[in-house]
Structures are given as structure tokens and as C-alpha cells.
Amino acid sequence: MLLTIIQASLIKSDWRKHHRAVGYFSLTLAATLVLSGLWVIQTMLFGDGGTVDGIPPAGD
């Protein structure tokens, strides 16, 4: 929500360079959120691959 308000105010004040920079940051943030969400879903569905506290079993 905050990014939308910032973007609108940057366009209104004619700071298009900053508007584009915030836009690229928003795209990077959105991609990071999607990828981390997919990672969390995978972990929830399939577990952590048989590890205990992130340490694989002996002999692997």
C-alpha cells in the first residue's frame, strides 16, 4: 500500500526517474516474495527432506 502512495506522489511531483527506481525495486520485492512463498509451501507440503534441524542423517 505504501509503495502505491509513494509511486503516485512521485509521478505527481514529476520525479519520473525516482518513480522508475521505486518501480524496479517493487518488481524485485514482488519476485522475492513469490519465490519465498513457493519455498515455504514446498517446505510445508514435503517437509525438510528428512533432515533434523537442517543436519542430514549420518551416512548421507
Protein backbone atom coordinates (compact mmCIF):
# COMPACT_ATOMS: atom_id res chain seq x y z
CA MET A 1 0.00 0.00 0.00
CA LEU A 2 2.80 2.38 0.90
CA LEU A 3 4.58 1.80 -2.42
CA THR A 4 1.41 2.74 -4.32
CA ILE A 5 1.16 6.03 -2.45
CA ILE A 6 4.86 6.75 -2.97
CA GLN A 7 4.60 5.95 -6.68
CA ALA A 8 1.61 8.25 -7.14
CA SER A 9 3.30 11.11 -5.28
CA LEU A 10 6.48 10.71 -7.33
CA ILE A 11 4.53 10.96 -10.59
CA LYS A 12 2.54 13.93 -9.30
CA SER A 13 5.73 15.77 -8.36
CA ASP A 14 7.24 14.89 -11.78
CA TRP A 15 10.10 12.80 -10.39
CA ARG A 16 9.91 10.12 -13.06
CA LYS A 17 13.49 8.92 -12.51
CA HIS A 18 12.72 8.11 -8.87
CA HIS A 19 9.35 6.64 -9.87
CA ARG A 20 11.13 4.16 -12.16
CA ALA A 21 13.70 3.29 -9.48
CA VAL A 22 10.96 2.55 -6.95
CA GLY A 23 9.15 0.56 -9.64
CA TYR A 24 12.18 -1.65 -10.28
CA PHE A 25 12.58 -2.15 -6.53
CA SER A 26 8.91 -3.14 -6.33
CA LEU A 27 9.38 -5.74 -9.07
CA THR A 28 12.37 -7.20 -7.26
CA LEU A 29 10.46 -7.26 -3.98
CA ALA A 30 7.45 -8.94 -5.61
CA ALA A 31 9.62 -11.63 -7.21
CA THR A 32 11.36 -12.28 -3.89
CA LEU A 33 8.03 -12.60 -2.09
CA VAL A 34 6.68 -15.04 -4.69
CA LEU A 35 9.80 -17.21 -4.60
CA SER A 36 9.96 -17.28 -0.82
CA GLY A 37 6.25 -18.11 -0.68
CA LEU A 38 6.78 -21.04 -3.04
CA TRP A 39 9.68 -22.22 -0.90
CA VAL A 40 7.53 -22.08 2.24
CA ILE A 41 4.73 -24.01 0.52
CA GLN A 42 7.19 -26.66 -0.64
CA THR A 43 8.58 -26.99 2.88
CA MET A 44 5.10 -27.25 4.36
CA LEU A 45 3.97 -29.91 1.88
CA PHE A 46 7.06 -32.07 1.59
CA GLY A 47 8.88 -31.42 4.86
CA ASP A 48 12.53 -30.61 5.08
CA GLY A 49 13.82 -33.65 3.18
CA GLY A 50 14.50 -35.92 6.14
CA THR A 51 16.84 -33.61 7.97
CA VAL A 52 16.84 -32.95 11.68
CA ASP A 53 17.42 -29.29 12.45
CA GLY A 54 18.88 -28.90 8.96
CA ILE A 55 21.52 -31.60 9.53
CA PRO A 56 21.25 -34.59 7.16
CA PRO A 57 21.29 -38.09 8.67
CA ALA A 58 24.68 -39.77 9.15
CA GLY A 59 25.90 -41.71 6.15
CA ASP A 60 24.41 -39.43 3.51
